[in-house]
Amino acid sequence: MSDLVPLDRLAIPPALTGEAGRNRAHGARQVDANDDRSAILAWLARYADSPATLSSYRKEAERLLLWCVHQRKRALSELSHEDMLLYERFLGDPQPAEHWIMAPGMKASRRSAAWRPFAAPLGPTSQR
């Protein structure tokens, strides 16, 4: 069983929440969020009136945050340029596959224990 869960159920370890992330704004902020997950949810709320866009953006933000926490062991607000290059490579080959990719032909609900962030590795166009 995977410990990956969708964004709405994700509990992030305190050291990885991003509350003290080096890329987090201090003082005046663009969004009223004290951690990375809250910042993502605030950003996604902007697309509530566009369900297709919301779904697409949520999927990609969710994948990135899960990768940060589970693979990189780093807060989203701590990522560097080099991290993003590693993430781009990861999208083409999410490993371990059983942890990240659903079984072939499966369409598990976001509430299912069989849910995974990927249906398959992403091709070069999707990675960009």
C-alpha atoms as a PDB file:
ATOM      1  CA  MET A   1       0.000   0.000   0.000  1.00  0.00           C
ATOM      2  CA  SER A   2       1.255   3.463  -0.878  1.00  0.00           C
ATOM      3  CA  ASP A   3       1.454   6.353   1.579  1.00  0.00           C
ATOM      4  CA  LEU A   4       0.722   8.768  -1.267  1.00  0.00           C
ATOM      5  CA  VAL A   5      -2.648  10.450  -0.894  1.00  0.00           C
ATOM      6  CA  PRO A   6      -4.388  13.264  -2.795  1.00  0.00           C
ATOM      7  CA  LEU A   7      -3.752  16.865  -1.813  1.00  0.00           C
ATOM      8  CA  ASP A   8      -6.980  17.225   0.181  1.00  0.00           C
ATOM      9  CA  ARG A   9      -5.919  14.402   2.537  1.00  0.00           C
ATOM     10  CA  LEU A  10      -2.166  15.023   2.592  1.00  0.00           C
ATOM     11  CA  ALA A  11      -0.629  15.362   6.053  1.00  0.00           C
ATOM     12  CA  ILE A  12       2.878  16.747   5.731  1.00  0.00           C
ATOM     13  CA  PRO A  13       5.546  16.144   8.375  1.00  0.00           C
ATOM     14  CA  PRO A  14       6.233  19.385  10.280  1.00  0.00           C
ATOM     15  CA  ALA A  15       9.798  19.718   8.952  1.00  0.00           C
ATOM     16  CA  LEU A  16       8.506  19.617   5.363  1.00  0.00           C
ATOM     17  CA  THR A  17       5.517  21.999   5.541  1.00  0.00           C
ATOM     18  CA  GLY A  18       7.502  24.891   4.130  1.00  0.00           C
ATOM     19  CA  GLU A  19       6.543  27.300   6.907  1.00  0.00           C
ATOM     20  CA  ALA A  20      10.176  28.372   7.108  1.00  0.00           C
ATOM     21  CA  GLY A  21      11.080  27.724   3.472  1.00  0.00           C
ATOM     22  CA  ARG A  22      13.889  29.858   2.086  1.00  0.00           C
ATOM     23  CA  ASN A  23      11.688  30.853  -0.861  1.00  0.00           C
ATOM     24  CA  ARG A  24       8.694  31.807   1.310  1.00  0.00           C
ATOM     25  CA  ALA A  25       7.882  35.497   1.502  1.00  0.00           C
ATOM     26  CA  HIS A  26       8.272  37.113   4.894  1.00  0.00           C
ATOM     27  CA  GLY A  27       6.207  40.176   5.715  1.00  0.00           C
ATOM     28  CA  ALA A  28       3.838  41.160   2.907  1.00  0.00           C
ATOM     29  CA  ARG A  29       2.614  38.087   1.013  1.00  0.00           C
ATOM     30  CA  GLN A  30       0.601  37.471  -2.125  1.00  0.00           C
ATOM     31  CA  VAL A  31      -1.544  34.773  -0.467  1.00  0.00           C
ATOM     32  CA  ASP A  32      -2.616  34.291   3.117  1.00  0.00           C
ATOM     33  CA  ALA A  33      -0.911  30.932   3.612  1.00  0.00           C
ATOM     34  CA  ASN A  34       1.603  29.897   6.238  1.00  0.00           C
ATOM     35  CA  ASP A  35       2.708  26.650   4.601  1.00  0.00           C
ATOM     36  CA  ASP A  36       3.167  25.148   1.154  1.00  0.00           C
ATOM     37  CA  ARG A  37      -0.027  23.056   1.111  1.00  0.00           C
ATOM     38  CA  SER A  38      -2.124  26.072   2.104  1.00  0.00           C
ATOM     39  CA  ALA A  39      -0.402  28.182  -0.563  1.00  0.00           C
ATOM     40  CA  ILE A  40      -1.235  25.581  -3.221  1.00  0.00           C
ATOM     41  CA  LEU A  41      -4.862  25.387  -2.078  1.00  0.00           C
ATOM     42  CA  ALA A  42      -5.152  29.197  -2.112  1.00  0.00           C
ATOM     43  CA  TRP A  43      -3.700  29.304  -5.625  1.00  0.00           C
ATOM     44  CA  LEU A  44      -6.044  26.540  -6.810  1.00  0.00           C
ATOM     45  CA  ALA A  45      -9.086  28.383  -5.397  1.00  0.00           C
ATOM     46  CA  ARG A  46      -8.537  30.937  -8.145  1.00  0.00           C
ATOM     47  CA  TYR A  47      -9.695  28.304 -10.669  1.00  0.00           C
ATOM     48  CA  ALA A  48     -12.879  27.186  -8.885  1.00  0.00           C
ATOM     49  CA  ASP A  49     -15.009  28.486 -11.773  1.00  0.00           C
ATOM     50  CA  SER A  50     -13.030  26.491 -14.338  1.00  0.00           C
ATOM     51  CA  PRO A  51     -13.322  22.804 -13.370  1.00  0.00           C
ATOM     52  CA  ALA A  52     -11.081  21.447 -16.149  1.00  0.00           C
ATOM     53  CA  THR A  53      -8.296  23.927 -15.371  1.00  0.00           C
ATOM     54  CA  LEU A  54      -8.684  23.319 -11.629  1.00  0.00           C
ATOM     55  CA  SER A  55      -8.417  19.562 -12.111  1.00  0.00           C
ATOM     56  CA  SER A  56      -5.354  19.850 -14.331  1.00  0.00           C
ATOM     57  CA  TYR A  57      -3.533  22.325 -12.084  1.00  0.00           C
ATOM     58  CA  ARG A  58      -4.425  20.361  -8.931  1.00  0.00           C
ATOM     59  CA  LYS A  59      -3.008  17.176 -10.466  1.00  0.00           C
ATOM     60  CA  GLU A  60       0.289  18.845 -11.333  1.00  0.00           C
ATOM     61  CA  ALA A  61       0.641  20.745  -8.040  1.00  0.00           C
ATOM     62  CA  GLU A  62      -0.226  17.576  -6.148  1.00  0.00           C
ATOM     63  CA  ARG A  63       2.414  15.566  -8.006  1.00  0.00           C
ATOM     64  CA  LEU A  64       5.054  18.186  -7.294  1.00  0.00           C
ATOM     65  CA  LEU A  65       4.205  18.478  -3.599  1.00  0.00           C
ATOM     66  CA  LEU A  66       4.116  14.697  -3.181  1.00  0.00           C
ATOM     67  CA  TRP A  67       7.478  14.407  -4.924  1.00  0.00           C
ATOM     68  CA  CYS A  68       8.921  17.103  -2.635  1.00  0.00           C
ATOM     69  CA  VAL A  69       7.749  15.366   0.524  1.00  0.00           C
ATOM     70  CA  HIS A  70       8.200  11.700  -0.413  1.00  0.00           C
ATOM     71  CA  GLN A  71      11.135  11.667  -2.848  1.00  0.00           C
ATOM     72  CA  ARG A  72      13.165  14.799  -2.204  1.00  0.00           C
ATOM     73  CA  LYS A  73      12.351  15.116   1.521  1.00  0.00           C
ATOM     74  CA  ARG A  74      12.261  18.868   1.059  1.00  0.00           C
ATOM     75  CA  ALA A  75       9.571  21.521   1.421  1.00  0.00           C
ATOM     76  CA  LEU A  76       8.176  22.955  -1.810  1.00  0.00           C
ATOM     77  CA  SER A  77       9.302  26.407  -0.733  1.00  0.00           C
ATOM     78  CA  GLU A  78      12.841  25.049  -0.365  1.00  0.00           C
ATOM     79  CA  LEU A  79      13.227  23.834  -3.952  1.00  0.00           C
ATOM     80  CA  SER A  80      16.117  24.989  -6.085  1.00  0.00           C
ATOM     81  CA  HIS A  81      16.608  25.092  -9.839  1.00  0.00           C
ATOM     82  CA  GLU A  82      18.497  21.813  -9.605  1.00  0.00           C
ATOM     83  CA  ASP A  83      15.563  20.216  -7.776  1.00  0.00           C
ATOM     84  CA  MET A  84      13.272  21.213 -10.621  1.00  0.00           C
ATOM     85  CA  LEU A  85      15.604  19.548 -13.127  1.00  0.00           C
ATOM     86  CA  LEU A  86      15.466  16.360 -11.047  1.00  0.00           C
ATOM     87  CA  TYR A  87      11.672  16.611 -10.891  1.00  0.00           C
ATOM     88  CA  GLU A  88      11.445  16.962 -14.657  1.00  0.00           C
ATOM     89  CA  ARG A  89      13.431  13.727 -15.031  1.00  0.00           C
ATOM     90  CA  PHE A  90      11.258  12.046 -12.407  1.00  0.00           C
ATOM     91  CA  LEU A  91       8.121  12.830 -14.440  1.00  0.00           C
ATOM     92  CA  GLY A  92       9.488  10.678 -17.266  1.00  0.00           C
ATOM     93  CA  ASP A  93      10.183   7.735 -14.948  1.00  0.00           C
ATOM     94  CA  PRO A  94       8.407   7.954 -11.569  1.00  0.00           C
ATOM     95  CA  GLN A  95      10.136   5.387  -9.354  1.00  0.00           C
ATOM     96  CA  PRO A  96       9.368   3.247  -7.537  1.00  0.00           C
ATOM     97  CA  ALA A  97       6.599   2.697 -10.099  1.00  0.00           C
ATOM     98  CA  GLU A  98       4.333   0.745  -7.739  1.00  0.00           C
ATOM     99  CA  HIS A  99       4.392   3.727  -5.403  1.00  0.00           C
ATOM    100  CA  TRP A 100       3.655   6.382  -8.047  1.00  0.00           C
ATOM    101  CA  ILE A 101       1.855   4.740 -10.994  1.00  0.00           C
ATOM    102  CA  MET A 102      -1.570   3.095 -11.008  1.00  0.00           C
ATOM    103  CA  ALA A 103      -1.910  -0.443 -12.326  1.00  0.00           C
ATOM    104  CA  PRO A 104      -2.491  -0.553 -16.095  1.00  0.00           C
ATOM    105  CA  GLY A 105      -6.088   0.202 -17.017  1.00  0.00           C
ATOM    106  CA  MET A 106      -7.017   1.223 -13.459  1.00  0.00           C
ATOM    107  CA  LYS A 107      -8.960   4.404 -12.750  1.00  0.00           C
ATOM    108  CA  ALA A 108      -9.006   4.495  -8.952  1.00  0.00           C
ATOM    109  CA  SER A 109     -11.002   7.188  -7.186  1.00  0.00           C
ATOM    110  CA  ARG A 110      -9.062   9.825  -5.269  1.00  0.00           C
ATOM    111  CA  ARG A 111     -10.421   8.225  -2.074  1.00  0.00           C
ATOM    112  CA  SER A 112      -9.176   4.732  -2.967  1.00  0.00           C
ATOM    113  CA  ALA A 113      -6.055   3.191  -1.434  1.00  0.00           C
ATOM    114  CA  ALA A 114      -5.189   2.136  -5.016  1.00  0.00           C
ATOM    115  CA  TRP A 115      -5.000   5.799  -6.158  1.00  0.00           C
ATOM    116  CA  ARG A 116      -1.633   6.942  -7.479  1.00  0.00           C
ATOM    117  CA  PRO A 117      -0.559  10.335  -8.879  1.00  0.00           C
ATOM    118  CA  PHE A 118       0.308   8.908 -12.321  1.00  0.00           C
ATOM    119  CA  ALA A 119      -1.462   6.676 -14.834  1.00  0.00           C
ATOM    120  CA  ALA A 120       1.870   6.306 -16.682  1.00  0.00           C
ATOM    121  CA  PRO A 121       5.223   8.072 -16.974  1.00  0.00           C
ATOM    122  CA  LEU A 122       4.921  11.389 -18.812  1.00  0.00           C
ATOM    123  CA  GLY A 123       6.278  11.897 -22.298  1.00  0.00           C
ATOM    124  CA  PRO A 124       8.625  14.804 -23.145  1.00  0.00           C
ATOM    125  CA  THR A 125       5.822  17.223 -24.118  1.00  0.00           C
ATOM    126  CA  SER A 126       3.909  16.583 -20.886  1.00  0.00           C
ATOM    127  CA  GLN A 127       7.081  16.900 -18.829  1.00  0.00           C
ATOM    128  CA  ARG A 128       7.598  20.428 -20.115  1.00  0.00           C
END
